[in-house]
Amino acid sequence: MTSMEAYSTVRTGTLLERCAAAVGLALALALLRLPFRFTVRAVRWARWAGRRRLTAAKAEALVSAVRHTGRLWPGRAACMETSLGAVLAAALLGRRLNWCLGARFSPPPVEYHAWAELPGGGPVGEYTDADWHHYTALTV
């Protein structure tokens, strides 16, 4: 993913969704500075809190809102931070997204990526769908 693709320039979603995106990204940035077990507990809470289904269009808007908010952060807000922020933002709205961490081993070098995924669906807000079968994914 190029840097141009990583940061959304279009503001999407309702005001409530944009506020949830900002809070979700802030929580993600804080959680990723703690030991990883706290992040896993937060994602498990998000899975429990997000009981209602999220449509693909709303999920895309939420991921885009988190990426747009990430433009305001002076530090790193790449795939790990934005995908976790989207999962937490969805949970704050009572919706559910899965957080996936993946690695691609072939062709070398090894690549790592994180993304949000609809339960029972595919990746949300990703720009290249052709390479997903190469990733070995772990849904947290």
N, C-alpha and C. Protein backbone atom coordinates (compact mmCIF):
# COMPACT_ATOMS: atom_id res chain seq x y z
N MET A 1 0.84 -1.17 0.00
CA MET A 1 0.00 0.00 0.00
C MET A 1 0.89 1.23 0.00
N THR A 2 0.64 2.13 -0.90
CA THR A 2 1.45 3.34 -0.96
C THR A 2 1.00 4.33 0.10
N SER A 3 1.83 5.33 0.35
CA SER A 3 1.46 6.31 1.37
C SER A 3 0.24 7.11 0.95
N MET A 4 0.04 7.28 -0.36
CA MET A 4 -1.14 7.99 -0.83
C MET A 4 -2.41 7.21 -0.53
N GLU A 5 -2.33 5.88 -0.64
CA GLU A 5 -3.47 5.04 -0.35
C GLU A 5 -3.72 4.90 1.15
N ALA A 6 -2.68 5.03 1.95
CA ALA A 6 -2.79 4.79 3.38
C ALA A 6 -3.59 5.86 4.09
N TYR A 7 -3.59 7.06 3.57
CA TYR A 7 -4.28 8.15 4.23
C TYR A 7 -5.41 8.66 3.36
N SER A 8 -6.60 8.54 3.86
CA SER A 8 -7.77 8.99 3.11
C SER A 8 -7.84 10.52 3.14
N THR A 9 -8.15 11.09 2.02
CA THR A 9 -8.29 12.54 1.96
C THR A 9 -9.75 12.96 1.95
N VAL A 10 -10.65 12.01 1.91
CA VAL A 10 -12.06 12.31 1.87
C VAL A 10 -12.67 12.02 3.23
N ARG A 11 -13.37 13.00 3.77
CA ARG A 11 -14.03 12.80 5.05
C ARG A 11 -15.33 12.05 4.81
N THR A 12 -15.51 10.91 5.46
CA THR A 12 -16.70 10.10 5.25
C THR A 12 -17.38 9.82 6.58
N GLY A 13 -18.62 9.38 6.49
CA GLY A 13 -19.36 8.99 7.69
C GLY A 13 -20.06 10.16 8.34
N THR A 14 -20.93 9.81 9.27
CA THR A 14 -21.65 10.82 10.03
C THR A 14 -20.73 11.41 11.10
N LEU A 15 -21.20 12.44 11.75
CA LEU A 15 -20.42 13.06 12.82
C LEU A 15 -20.14 12.06 13.94
N LEU A 16 -21.12 11.25 14.28
CA LEU A 16 -20.94 10.23 15.32
C LEU A 16 -19.87 9.21 14.91
N GLU A 17 -19.89 8.79 13.65
CA GLU A 17 -18.89 7.84 13.17
C GLU A 17 -17.50 8.46 13.14
N ARG A 18 -17.39 9.73 12.78
CA ARG A 18 -16.09 10.39 12.77
C ARG A 18 -15.55 10.57 14.19
N CYS A 19 -16.44 10.87 15.14
CA CYS A 19 -16.01 10.97 16.55
C CYS A 19 -15.56 9.61 17.07
N ALA A 20 -16.32 8.55 16.74
CA ALA A 20 -15.93 7.20 17.15
C ALA A 20 -14.60 6.81 16.51
N ALA A 21 -14.37 7.24 15.27
CA ALA A 21 -13.10 6.96 14.60
C ALA A 21 -11.94 7.64 15.32
N ALA A 22 -12.15 8.88 15.74
CA ALA A 22 -11.09 9.60 16.46
C ALA A 22 -10.79 8.94 17.80
N VAL A 23 -11.83 8.56 18.53
CA VAL A 23 -11.62 7.91 19.83
C VAL A 23 -11.00 6.53 19.63
N GLY A 24 -11.48 5.79 18.62
CA GLY A 24 -10.93 4.46 18.35
C GLY A 24 -9.46 4.52 17.98
N LEU A 25 -9.06 5.50 17.17
CA LEU A 25 -7.66 5.63 16.80
C LEU A 25 -6.82 6.03 18.01
N ALA A 26 -7.33 6.92 18.84
CA ALA A 26 -6.60 7.32 20.04
C ALA A 26 -6.40 6.13 20.97
N LEU A 27 -7.45 5.32 21.14
CA LEU A 27 -7.32 4.11 21.97
C LEU A 27 -6.31 3.14 21.37
N ALA A 28 -6.35 2.99 20.04
CA ALA A 28 -5.41 2.08 19.38
C ALA A 28 -3.98 2.54 19.56
N LEU A 29 -3.74 3.83 19.41
CA LEU A 29 -2.38 4.36 19.58
C LEU A 29 -1.88 4.15 21.00
N ALA A 30 -2.77 4.29 21.98
CA ALA A 30 -2.39 4.06 23.38
C ALA A 30 -2.16 2.57 23.65
N LEU A 31 -3.05 1.73 23.15
CA LEU A 31 -2.94 0.28 23.40
C LEU A 31 -1.68 -0.32 22.79
N LEU A 32 -1.29 0.16 21.63
CA LEU A 32 -0.14 -0.43 20.95
C LEU A 32 1.19 -0.04 21.60
N ARG A 33 1.13 0.83 22.58
CA ARG A 33 2.34 1.17 23.34
C ARG A 33 2.44 0.37 24.63
N LEU A 34 1.40 -0.38 24.93
CA LEU A 34 1.38 -1.26 26.10
C LEU A 34 1.77 -2.67 25.67
N PRO A 35 1.98 -3.58 26.62
CA PRO A 35 2.21 -4.97 26.23
C PRO A 35 1.05 -5.52 25.39
N PHE A 36 1.36 -6.40 24.45
CA PHE A 36 0.40 -6.83 23.45
C PHE A 36 -0.81 -7.54 24.07
N ARG A 37 -0.68 -8.12 25.24
CA ARG A 37 -1.82 -8.81 25.87
C ARG A 37 -2.97 -7.86 26.17
N PHE A 38 -2.65 -6.58 26.44
CA PHE A 38 -3.71 -5.59 26.68
C PHE A 38 -4.46 -5.28 25.39
N THR A 39 -3.75 -5.26 24.28
CA THR A 39 -4.39 -5.05 22.99
C THR A 39 -5.32 -6.21 22.66
N VAL A 40 -4.87 -7.43 22.91
CA VAL A 40 -5.70 -8.60 22.64
C VAL A 40 -6.96 -8.57 23.52
N ARG A 41 -6.83 -8.17 24.77
CA ARG A 41 -8.01 -8.06 25.65
C ARG A 41 -8.98 -7.01 25.14
N ALA A 42 -8.46 -5.90 24.65
CA ALA A 42 -9.33 -4.85 24.11
C ALA A 42 -10.06 -5.33 22.86
N VAL A 43 -9.39 -6.11 22.02
CA VAL A 43 -10.04 -6.64 20.81
C VAL A 43 -11.09 -7.68 21.20
N ARG A 44 -10.83 -8.46 22.22
CA ARG A 44 -11.84 -9.41 22.69
C ARG A 44 -13.05 -8.68 23.25
N TRP A 45 -12.81 -7.58 23.96
CA TRP A 45 -13.93 -6.75 24.44
C TRP A 45 -14.71 -6.21 23.24
N ALA A 46 -14.00 -5.76 22.21
CA ALA A 46 -14.65 -5.21 21.02
C ALA A 46 -15.51 -6.27 20.34
N ARG A 47 -15.04 -7.49 20.32
CA ARG A 47 -15.83 -8.58 19.73
C ARG A 47 -17.10 -8.82 20.54
N TRP A 48 -17.00 -8.71 21.86
CA TRP A 48 -18.16 -8.89 22.71
C TRP A 48 -19.11 -7.71 22.59
N ALA A 49 -18.58 -6.49 22.53
CA ALA A 49 -19.41 -5.28 22.50
C ALA A 49 -20.09 -5.09 21.15
N GLY A 50 -19.47 -5.53 20.09
CA GLY A 50 -20.05 -5.34 18.76
C GLY A 50 -20.96 -6.46 18.37
N ARG A 51 -22.21 -6.37 18.75
CA ARG A 51 -23.14 -7.47 18.50
C ARG A 51 -23.94 -7.28 17.22
N ARG A 52 -24.12 -6.04 16.78
CA ARG A 52 -24.92 -5.79 15.60
C ARG A 52 -24.06 -5.88 14.33
N ARG A 53 -24.72 -6.25 13.24
CA ARG A 53 -24.02 -6.39 11.96
C ARG A 53 -23.69 -5.01 11.40
N LEU A 54 -22.64 -4.96 10.66
CA LEU A 54 -22.18 -3.74 10.01
C LEU A 54 -22.19 -3.99 8.51
N THR A 55 -22.83 -3.10 7.76
CA THR A 55 -22.86 -3.27 6.31
C THR A 55 -21.48 -2.97 5.73
N ALA A 56 -21.25 -3.46 4.52
CA ALA A 56 -19.95 -3.25 3.88
C ALA A 56 -19.71 -1.77 3.62
N ALA A 57 -20.75 -1.04 3.23
CA ALA A 57 -20.59 0.40 2.95
C ALA A 57 -20.26 1.17 4.23
N LYS A 58 -20.92 0.84 5.33
CA LYS A 58 -20.65 1.51 6.60
C LYS A 58 -19.26 1.15 7.11
N ALA A 59 -18.85 -0.09 6.91
CA ALA A 59 -17.52 -0.51 7.33
C ALA A 59 -16.46 0.25 6.54
N GLU A 60 -16.65 0.40 5.23
CA GLU A 60 -15.72 1.16 4.41
C GLU A 60 -15.65 2.61 4.88
N ALA A 61 -16.80 3.19 5.20
CA ALA A 61 -16.83 4.58 5.67
C ALA A 61 -16.11 4.72 7.01
N LEU A 62 -16.27 3.74 7.88
CA LEU A 62 -15.62 3.79 9.19
C LEU A 62 -14.10 3.66 9.06
N VAL A 63 -13.64 2.75 8.23
CA VAL A 63 -12.19 2.60 8.01
C VAL A 63 -11.63 3.86 7.38
N SER A 64 -12.35 4.44 6.43
CA SER A 64 -11.90 5.69 5.81
C SER A 64 -11.85 6.83 6.81
N ALA A 65 -12.83 6.87 7.72
CA ALA A 65 -12.83 7.91 8.75
C ALA A 65 -11.64 7.78 9.69
N VAL A 66 -11.27 6.54 10.03
CA VAL A 66 -10.10 6.33 10.88
C VAL A 66 -8.83 6.75 10.14
N ARG A 67 -8.73 6.39 8.86
CA ARG A 67 -7.56 6.80 8.08
C ARG A 67 -7.48 8.31 7.95
N HIS A 68 -8.63 8.95 7.76
CA HIS A 68 -8.65 10.41 7.66
C HIS A 68 -8.19 11.03 8.98
N THR A 69 -8.63 10.48 10.09
CA THR A 69 -8.21 10.97 11.40
C THR A 69 -6.72 10.74 11.61
N GLY A 70 -6.19 9.65 11.07
CA GLY A 70 -4.77 9.35 11.19
C GLY A 70 -3.88 10.39 10.54
N ARG A 71 -4.42 11.15 9.61
CA ARG A 71 -3.64 12.22 8.99
C ARG A 71 -3.29 13.31 9.99
N LEU A 72 -4.09 13.45 11.03
CA LEU A 72 -3.86 14.49 12.03
C LEU A 72 -2.81 14.08 13.06
N TRP A 73 -2.51 12.79 13.13
CA TRP A 73 -1.55 12.28 14.11
C TRP A 73 -0.14 12.54 13.59
N PRO A 74 0.73 13.16 14.40
CA PRO A 74 2.07 13.47 13.90
C PRO A 74 2.99 12.26 13.80
N GLY A 75 2.63 11.17 14.44
CA GLY A 75 3.47 9.97 14.40
C GLY A 75 2.98 8.98 13.37
N ARG A 76 3.35 7.72 13.58
CA ARG A 76 3.01 6.65 12.65
C ARG A 76 1.56 6.22 12.86
N ALA A 77 0.80 6.20 11.79
CA ALA A 77 -0.56 5.67 11.82
C ALA A 77 -0.72 4.82 10.55
N ALA A 78 -0.11 3.65 10.56
CA ALA A 78 -0.13 2.78 9.39
C ALA A 78 -1.18 1.69 9.58
N CYS A 79 -0.99 0.55 8.94
CA CYS A 79 -2.02 -0.48 8.90
C CYS A 79 -2.40 -1.01 10.28
N MET A 80 -1.43 -1.23 11.15
CA MET A 80 -1.72 -1.78 12.48
C MET A 80 -2.59 -0.80 13.28
N GLU A 81 -2.21 0.47 13.28
CA GLU A 81 -2.94 1.46 14.06
C GLU A 81 -4.33 1.74 13.49
N THR A 82 -4.43 1.88 12.17
CA THR A 82 -5.73 2.21 11.60
C THR A 82 -6.70 1.04 11.64
N SER A 83 -6.21 -0.18 11.44
CA SER A 83 -7.12 -1.33 11.50
C SER A 83 -7.62 -1.54 12.93
N LEU A 84 -6.75 -1.43 13.92
CA LEU A 84 -7.18 -1.56 15.31
C LEU A 84 -8.11 -0.41 15.68
N GLY A 85 -7.82 0.79 15.21
CA GLY A 85 -8.70 1.92 15.46
C GLY A 85 -10.09 1.72 14.88
N ALA A 86 -10.17 1.12 13.68
CA ALA A 86 -11.47 0.85 13.07
C ALA A 86 -12.25 -0.20 13.85
N VAL A 87 -11.56 -1.21 14.34
CA VAL A 87 -12.23 -2.26 15.13
C VAL A 87 -12.77 -1.67 16.43
N LEU A 88 -11.99 -0.84 17.09
CA LEU A 88 -12.43 -0.22 18.34
C LEU A 88 -13.53 0.80 18.09
N ALA A 89 -13.44 1.55 17.00
CA ALA A 89 -14.49 2.52 16.66
C ALA A 89 -15.81 1.80 16.38
N ALA A 90 -15.74 0.69 15.68
CA ALA A 90 -16.96 -0.09 15.42
C ALA A 90 -17.56 -0.59 16.73
N ALA A 91 -16.72 -1.02 17.66
CA ALA A 91 -17.22 -1.51 18.95
C ALA A 91 -17.87 -0.37 19.74
N LEU A 92 -17.31 0.82 19.66
CA LEU A 92 -17.91 1.96 20.35
C LEU A 92 -19.29 2.29 19.80
N LEU A 93 -19.52 1.95 18.54
CA LEU A 93 -20.83 2.16 17.92
C LEU A 93 -21.75 0.94 18.06
N GLY A 94 -21.27 -0.09 18.76
CA GLY A 94 -22.06 -1.30 18.95
C GLY A 94 -22.02 -2.23 17.76
N ARG A 95 -21.05 -2.06 16.89
CA ARG A 95 -20.90 -2.89 15.69
C ARG A 95 -19.67 -3.77 15.82
N ARG A 96 -19.50 -4.69 14.88
CA ARG A 96 -18.38 -5.62 14.99
C ARG A 96 -17.56 -5.69 13.71
N LEU A 97 -16.27 -5.56 13.88
CA LEU A 97 -15.28 -5.84 12.84
C LEU A 97 -14.24 -6.76 13.46
N ASN A 98 -13.69 -7.65 12.67
CA ASN A 98 -12.60 -8.50 13.14
C ASN A 98 -11.27 -7.83 12.83
N TRP A 99 -10.29 -8.03 13.70
CA TRP A 99 -8.95 -7.50 13.50
C TRP A 99 -8.07 -8.65 13.06
N CYS A 100 -7.46 -8.54 11.90
CA CYS A 100 -6.62 -9.60 11.34
C CYS A 100 -5.18 -9.14 11.21
N LEU A 101 -4.28 -10.01 11.61
CA LEU A 101 -2.85 -9.81 11.43
C LEU A 101 -2.37 -10.91 10.51
N GLY A 102 -1.58 -10.53 9.50
CA GLY A 102 -1.17 -11.53 8.53
C GLY A 102 0.28 -11.38 8.12
N ALA A 103 0.81 -12.47 7.58
CA ALA A 103 2.17 -12.48 7.06
C ALA A 103 2.14 -13.17 5.71
N ARG A 104 2.96 -12.66 4.79
CA ARG A 104 3.11 -13.26 3.47
C ARG A 104 4.56 -13.70 3.36
N PHE A 105 4.76 -15.00 3.15
CA PHE A 105 6.10 -15.57 3.14
C PHE A 105 6.68 -15.74 1.75
N SER A 106 5.84 -15.73 0.74
CA SER A 106 6.33 -15.96 -0.62
C SER A 106 5.72 -14.91 -1.54
N PRO A 107 6.41 -14.27 -2.37
CA PRO A 107 7.85 -14.30 -2.60
C PRO A 107 8.59 -13.51 -1.53
N PRO A 108 9.87 -13.83 -1.32
CA PRO A 108 10.65 -13.10 -0.32
C PRO A 108 10.74 -11.63 -0.68
N PRO A 109 10.87 -10.76 0.24
CA PRO A 109 11.00 -10.90 1.68
C PRO A 109 9.63 -11.07 2.35
N VAL A 110 9.65 -11.47 3.60
CA VAL A 110 8.43 -11.64 4.37
C VAL A 110 7.78 -10.27 4.57
N GLU A 111 6.46 -10.20 4.37
CA GLU A 111 5.72 -8.96 4.57
C GLU A 111 4.66 -9.19 5.64
N TYR A 112 4.42 -8.17 6.45
CA TYR A 112 3.41 -8.22 7.50
C TYR A 112 2.37 -7.15 7.21
N HIS A 113 1.12 -7.45 7.57
CA HIS A 113 0.05 -6.49 7.33
C HIS A 113 -1.06 -6.73 8.35
N ALA A 114 -1.80 -5.69 8.66
CA ALA A 114 -2.96 -5.78 9.55
C ALA A 114 -4.14 -5.14 8.83
N TRP A 115 -5.33 -5.69 9.03
CA TRP A 115 -6.51 -5.14 8.37
C TRP A 115 -7.75 -5.46 9.18
N ALA A 116 -8.80 -4.71 8.91
CA ALA A 116 -10.11 -4.97 9.52
C ALA A 116 -10.92 -5.79 8.53
N GLU A 117 -11.75 -6.67 9.07
CA GLU A 117 -12.50 -7.59 8.23
C GLU A 117 -13.91 -7.73 8.76
N LEU A 118 -14.87 -7.77 7.87
CA LEU A 118 -16.25 -8.05 8.27
C LEU A 118 -16.37 -9.50 8.70
N PRO A 119 -17.12 -9.80 9.77
CA PRO A 119 -17.32 -11.20 10.14
C PRO A 119 -17.99 -11.96 9.01
N GLY A 120 -17.33 -13.00 8.55
CA GLY A 120 -17.86 -13.79 7.45
C GLY A 120 -17.62 -13.16 6.09
N GLY A 121 -16.88 -12.07 6.05
CA GLY A 121 -16.62 -11.38 4.79
C GLY A 121 -15.14 -11.19 4.57
N GLY A 122 -14.82 -10.32 3.66
CA GLY A 122 -13.43 -10.08 3.33
C GLY A 122 -12.89 -8.82 3.98
N PRO A 123 -11.68 -8.44 3.60
CA PRO A 123 -11.05 -7.24 4.14
C PRO A 123 -11.84 -5.98 3.80
N VAL A 124 -11.81 -5.02 4.71
CA VAL A 124 -12.53 -3.77 4.52
C VAL A 124 -11.52 -2.64 4.30
N GLY A 125 -11.73 -1.88 3.26
CA GLY A 125 -10.90 -0.70 3.03
C GLY A 125 -9.53 -0.98 2.47
N GLU A 126 -9.32 -2.16 1.92
CA GLU A 126 -8.03 -2.50 1.33
C GLU A 126 -8.08 -2.23 -0.16
N TYR A 127 -6.93 -1.88 -0.72
CA TYR A 127 -6.89 -1.44 -2.10
C TYR A 127 -6.52 -2.54 -3.09
N THR A 128 -5.90 -3.59 -2.63
CA THR A 128 -5.52 -4.68 -3.52
C THR A 128 -6.11 -5.98 -2.98
N ASP A 129 -7.09 -6.51 -3.68
CA ASP A 129 -7.72 -7.76 -3.26
C ASP A 129 -7.05 -8.98 -3.87
N ALA A 130 -6.21 -8.80 -4.86
CA ALA A 130 -5.63 -9.94 -5.56
C ALA A 130 -4.63 -10.72 -4.72
N ASP A 131 -3.97 -10.08 -3.78
CA ASP A 131 -2.90 -10.73 -3.03
C ASP A 131 -3.35 -11.35 -1.70
N TRP A 132 -4.62 -11.33 -1.37
CA TRP A 132 -5.05 -11.79 -0.04
C TRP A 132 -4.88 -13.28 0.15
N HIS A 133 -4.92 -14.06 -0.91
CA HIS A 133 -4.77 -15.50 -0.73
C HIS A 133 -3.32 -15.87 -0.41
N HIS A 134 -2.37 -14.95 -0.54
CA HIS A 134 -0.97 -15.21 -0.19
C HIS A 134 -0.69 -14.99 1.30
N TYR A 135 -1.59 -14.30 2.00
CA TYR A 135 -1.35 -13.99 3.41
C TYR A 135 -1.83 -15.14 4.30
N THR A 136 -1.02 -15.47 5.29
CA THR A 136 -1.44 -16.37 6.35
C THR A 136 -1.96 -15.48 7.46
N ALA A 137 -3.25 -15.54 7.72
CA ALA A 137 -3.88 -14.57 8.61
C ALA A 137 -4.24 -15.19 9.95
N LEU A 138 -4.20 -14.36 10.97
CA LEU A 138 -4.64 -14.68 12.32
C LEU A 138 -5.68 -13.65 12.69
N THR A 139 -6.90 -14.10 12.97
CA THR A 139 -7.94 -13.19 13.40
C THR A 139 -7.89 -13.11 14.91
N VAL A 140 -7.67 -11.92 15.42
CA VAL A 140 -7.55 -11.72 16.86
C VAL A 140 -8.92 -11.49 17.45
